[in-house]
Amino acid sequence: MSGQTLGFFIAGVLVAFAFALALQMRLMTGLVLRRAARAKFDELEDGTARFAVVHAVAGTGLEEGDTVGEAASWLRAEYPRAIGHIRLARRATAVTGVLFLAVLIGWRVTAGAEG
């Protein structure tokens, strides 16, 4: 294994680790927000609470008379940092996916053609 291949391997592992951390951040924060919405609004079930979290993160407005819309507004008002964490994790998963592909292509173009 050449030094260049080892460098690309290390870069790939680091990018994959960053992707896994971002994915974990999305899942755990979404789970916590979903549980918070279900604790505040008893009539929400798991699917509708997930829907409220998605709309809270997206920032789309739902009608206020609906429980899901009220839950999304409440989540945005009560947990703005957690919503920001999910947005950051969404961007990070997209960026690390592209970076991993770039590392693979870069390895293939420069070092992968040797063997």
C-alpha atoms as a PDB file:
ATOM      1  CA  MET A   1       0.000   0.000   0.000  1.00  0.00           C
ATOM      2  CA  SER A   2       1.516   3.288  -1.071  1.00  0.00           C
ATOM      3  CA  GLY A   3       1.538   6.428   1.016  1.00  0.00           C
ATOM      4  CA  GLN A   4      -0.906   8.080  -1.341  1.00  0.00           C
ATOM      5  CA  THR A   5      -3.384   5.199  -1.038  1.00  0.00           C
ATOM      6  CA  LEU A   6      -3.007   5.296   2.728  1.00  0.00           C
ATOM      7  CA  GLY A   7      -3.739   9.032   2.711  1.00  0.00           C
ATOM      8  CA  PHE A   8      -6.903   8.522   0.691  1.00  0.00           C
ATOM      9  CA  PHE A   9      -7.920   5.661   2.991  1.00  0.00           C
ATOM     10  CA  ILE A  10      -7.495   7.867   6.074  1.00  0.00           C
ATOM     11  CA  ALA A  11      -9.402  10.717   4.404  1.00  0.00           C
ATOM     12  CA  GLY A  12     -12.204   8.304   3.479  1.00  0.00           C
ATOM     13  CA  VAL A  13     -12.426   6.974   7.027  1.00  0.00           C
ATOM     14  CA  LEU A  14     -12.553  10.500   8.460  1.00  0.00           C
ATOM     15  CA  VAL A  15     -15.279  11.562   6.033  1.00  0.00           C
ATOM     16  CA  ALA A  16     -17.273   8.389   6.737  1.00  0.00           C
ATOM     17  CA  PHE A  17     -16.937   9.047  10.477  1.00  0.00           C
ATOM     18  CA  ALA A  18     -18.156  12.635  10.031  1.00  0.00           C
ATOM     19  CA  PHE A  19     -21.106  11.316   8.001  1.00  0.00           C
ATOM     20  CA  ALA A  20     -21.971   8.832  10.739  1.00  0.00           C
ATOM     21  CA  LEU A  21     -21.799  11.552  13.402  1.00  0.00           C
ATOM     22  CA  ALA A  22     -24.054  13.861  11.395  1.00  0.00           C
ATOM     23  CA  LEU A  23     -26.532  11.049  10.799  1.00  0.00           C
ATOM     24  CA  GLN A  24     -26.528  10.207  14.494  1.00  0.00           C
ATOM     25  CA  MET A  25     -27.099  13.868  15.352  1.00  0.00           C
ATOM     26  CA  ARG A  26     -30.099  13.998  13.018  1.00  0.00           C
ATOM     27  CA  LEU A  27     -31.627  10.843  14.424  1.00  0.00           C
ATOM     28  CA  MET A  28     -31.091  11.587  18.101  1.00  0.00           C
ATOM     29  CA  THR A  29     -32.239  15.209  17.927  1.00  0.00           C
ATOM     30  CA  GLY A  30     -35.281  14.226  15.893  1.00  0.00           C
ATOM     31  CA  LEU A  31     -36.134  11.536  18.437  1.00  0.00           C
ATOM     32  CA  VAL A  32     -35.868  13.983  21.331  1.00  0.00           C
ATOM     33  CA  LEU A  33     -38.001  16.598  19.564  1.00  0.00           C
ATOM     34  CA  ARG A  34     -40.588  13.979  18.659  1.00  0.00           C
ATOM     35  CA  ARG A  35     -40.792  12.865  22.287  1.00  0.00           C
ATOM     36  CA  ALA A  36     -41.071  16.475  23.458  1.00  0.00           C
ATOM     37  CA  ALA A  37     -43.937  17.101  21.043  1.00  0.00           C
ATOM     38  CA  ARG A  38     -45.721  13.955  22.193  1.00  0.00           C
ATOM     39  CA  ALA A  39     -45.264  14.938  25.836  1.00  0.00           C
ATOM     40  CA  LYS A  40     -46.715  18.418  25.260  1.00  0.00           C
ATOM     41  CA  PHE A  41     -49.522  17.384  22.889  1.00  0.00           C
ATOM     42  CA  ASP A  42     -51.082  14.146  24.108  1.00  0.00           C
ATOM     43  CA  GLU A  43     -53.178  13.608  20.981  1.00  0.00           C
ATOM     44  CA  LEU A  44     -50.094  13.284  18.746  1.00  0.00           C
ATOM     45  CA  GLU A  45     -49.052   9.806  17.723  1.00  0.00           C
ATOM     46  CA  ASP A  46     -45.573   8.854  16.600  1.00  0.00           C
ATOM     47  CA  GLY A  47     -46.153   9.543  12.902  1.00  0.00           C
ATOM     48  CA  THR A  48     -47.838  12.879  13.412  1.00  0.00           C
ATOM     49  CA  ALA A  49     -45.172  13.938  15.920  1.00  0.00           C
ATOM     50  CA  ARG A  50     -42.517  13.103  13.328  1.00  0.00           C
ATOM     51  CA  PHE A  51     -44.474  15.174  10.808  1.00  0.00           C
ATOM     52  CA  ALA A  52     -44.488  18.100  13.252  1.00  0.00           C
ATOM     53  CA  VAL A  53     -40.708  17.833  13.695  1.00  0.00           C
ATOM     54  CA  VAL A  54     -40.172  17.795   9.939  1.00  0.00           C
ATOM     55  CA  HIS A  55     -42.264  20.921   9.492  1.00  0.00           C
ATOM     56  CA  ALA A  56     -40.600  22.631  12.442  1.00  0.00           C
ATOM     57  CA  VAL A  57     -37.168  22.005  10.900  1.00  0.00           C
ATOM     58  CA  ALA A  58     -38.294  23.009   7.413  1.00  0.00           C
ATOM     59  CA  GLY A  59     -39.898  26.162   8.760  1.00  0.00           C
ATOM     60  CA  THR A  60     -43.005  25.665   6.697  1.00  0.00           C
ATOM     61  CA  GLY A  61     -46.165  27.049   8.165  1.00  0.00           C
ATOM     62  CA  LEU A  62     -49.041  24.785   8.952  1.00  0.00           C
ATOM     63  CA  GLU A  63     -52.458  25.986   9.957  1.00  0.00           C
ATOM     64  CA  GLU A  64     -52.622  26.873  13.620  1.00  0.00           C
ATOM     65  CA  GLY A  65     -55.942  25.130  14.323  1.00  0.00           C
ATOM     66  CA  ASP A  66     -54.334  21.767  13.652  1.00  0.00           C
ATOM     67  CA  THR A  67     -52.466  19.929  16.412  1.00  0.00           C
ATOM     68  CA  VAL A  68     -49.519  19.200  14.136  1.00  0.00           C
ATOM     69  CA  GLY A  69     -49.239  22.869  13.184  1.00  0.00           C
ATOM     70  CA  GLU A  70     -49.394  23.931  16.812  1.00  0.00           C
ATOM     71  CA  ALA A  71     -46.764  21.339  17.724  1.00  0.00           C
ATOM     72  CA  ALA A  72     -44.461  22.506  14.912  1.00  0.00           C
ATOM     73  CA  SER A  73     -44.825  26.134  16.005  1.00  0.00           C
ATOM     74  CA  TRP A  74     -44.228  25.185  19.624  1.00  0.00           C
ATOM     75  CA  LEU A  75     -41.111  23.186  18.722  1.00  0.00           C
ATOM     76  CA  ARG A  76     -39.724  26.120  16.704  1.00  0.00           C
ATOM     77  CA  ALA A  77     -40.365  28.510  19.582  1.00  0.00           C
ATOM     78  CA  GLU A  78     -39.286  26.245  22.424  1.00  0.00           C
ATOM     79  CA  TYR A  79     -36.285  24.416  20.910  1.00  0.00           C
ATOM     80  CA  PRO A  80     -34.595  26.697  18.352  1.00  0.00           C
ATOM     81  CA  ARG A  81     -31.116  25.312  19.056  1.00  0.00           C
ATOM     82  CA  ALA A  82     -32.234  21.716  18.520  1.00  0.00           C
ATOM     83  CA  ILE A  83     -33.895  22.745  15.257  1.00  0.00           C
ATOM     84  CA  GLY A  84     -30.611  24.401  14.274  1.00  0.00           C
ATOM     85  CA  HIS A  85     -28.719  21.213  15.107  1.00  0.00           C
ATOM     86  CA  ILE A  86     -30.931  19.200  12.788  1.00  0.00           C
ATOM     87  CA  ARG A  87     -30.449  21.766  10.008  1.00  0.00           C
ATOM     88  CA  LEU A  88     -26.683  21.639  10.521  1.00  0.00           C
ATOM     89  CA  ALA A  89     -26.728  17.842  10.484  1.00  0.00           C
ATOM     90  CA  ARG A  90     -28.784  17.829   7.262  1.00  0.00           C
ATOM     91  CA  ARG A  91     -26.178  20.029   5.585  1.00  0.00           C
ATOM     92  CA  ALA A  92     -23.345  17.919   7.002  1.00  0.00           C
ATOM     93  CA  THR A  93     -24.791  14.660   5.666  1.00  0.00           C
ATOM     94  CA  ALA A  94     -25.093  16.184   2.199  1.00  0.00           C
ATOM     95  CA  VAL A  95     -21.586  17.653   2.268  1.00  0.00           C
ATOM     96  CA  THR A  96     -19.913  14.535   3.646  1.00  0.00           C
ATOM     97  CA  GLY A  97     -21.659  12.382   1.057  1.00  0.00           C
ATOM     98  CA  VAL A  98     -20.203  14.519  -1.704  1.00  0.00           C
ATOM     99  CA  LEU A  99     -16.798  14.609   0.026  1.00  0.00           C
ATOM    100  CA  PHE A 100     -16.727  10.824   0.289  1.00  0.00           C
ATOM    101  CA  LEU A 101     -17.477  10.538  -3.399  1.00  0.00           C
ATOM    102  CA  ALA A 102     -14.733  13.098  -4.128  1.00  0.00           C
ATOM    103  CA  VAL A 103     -12.235  11.108  -2.054  1.00  0.00           C
ATOM    104  CA  LEU A 104     -13.116   7.922  -3.939  1.00  0.00           C
ATOM    105  CA  ILE A 105     -12.839   9.605  -7.317  1.00  0.00           C
ATOM    106  CA  GLY A 106      -9.606  11.339  -6.327  1.00  0.00           C
ATOM    107  CA  TRP A 107      -8.119   8.055  -5.170  1.00  0.00           C
ATOM    108  CA  ARG A 108      -9.195   6.289  -8.335  1.00  0.00           C
ATOM    109  CA  VAL A 109      -7.798   9.002 -10.601  1.00  0.00           C
ATOM    110  CA  THR A 110      -4.447   9.415  -8.830  1.00  0.00           C
ATOM    111  CA  ALA A 111      -3.537   6.295  -6.893  1.00  0.00           C
ATOM    112  CA  GLY A 112      -6.034   3.655  -7.951  1.00  0.00           C
ATOM    113  CA  ALA A 113      -4.712   3.358 -11.485  1.00  0.00           C
ATOM    114  CA  GLU A 114      -1.388   1.963 -10.213  1.00  0.00           C
ATOM    115  CA  GLY A 115      -2.618  -1.504  -9.434  1.00  0.00           C
END
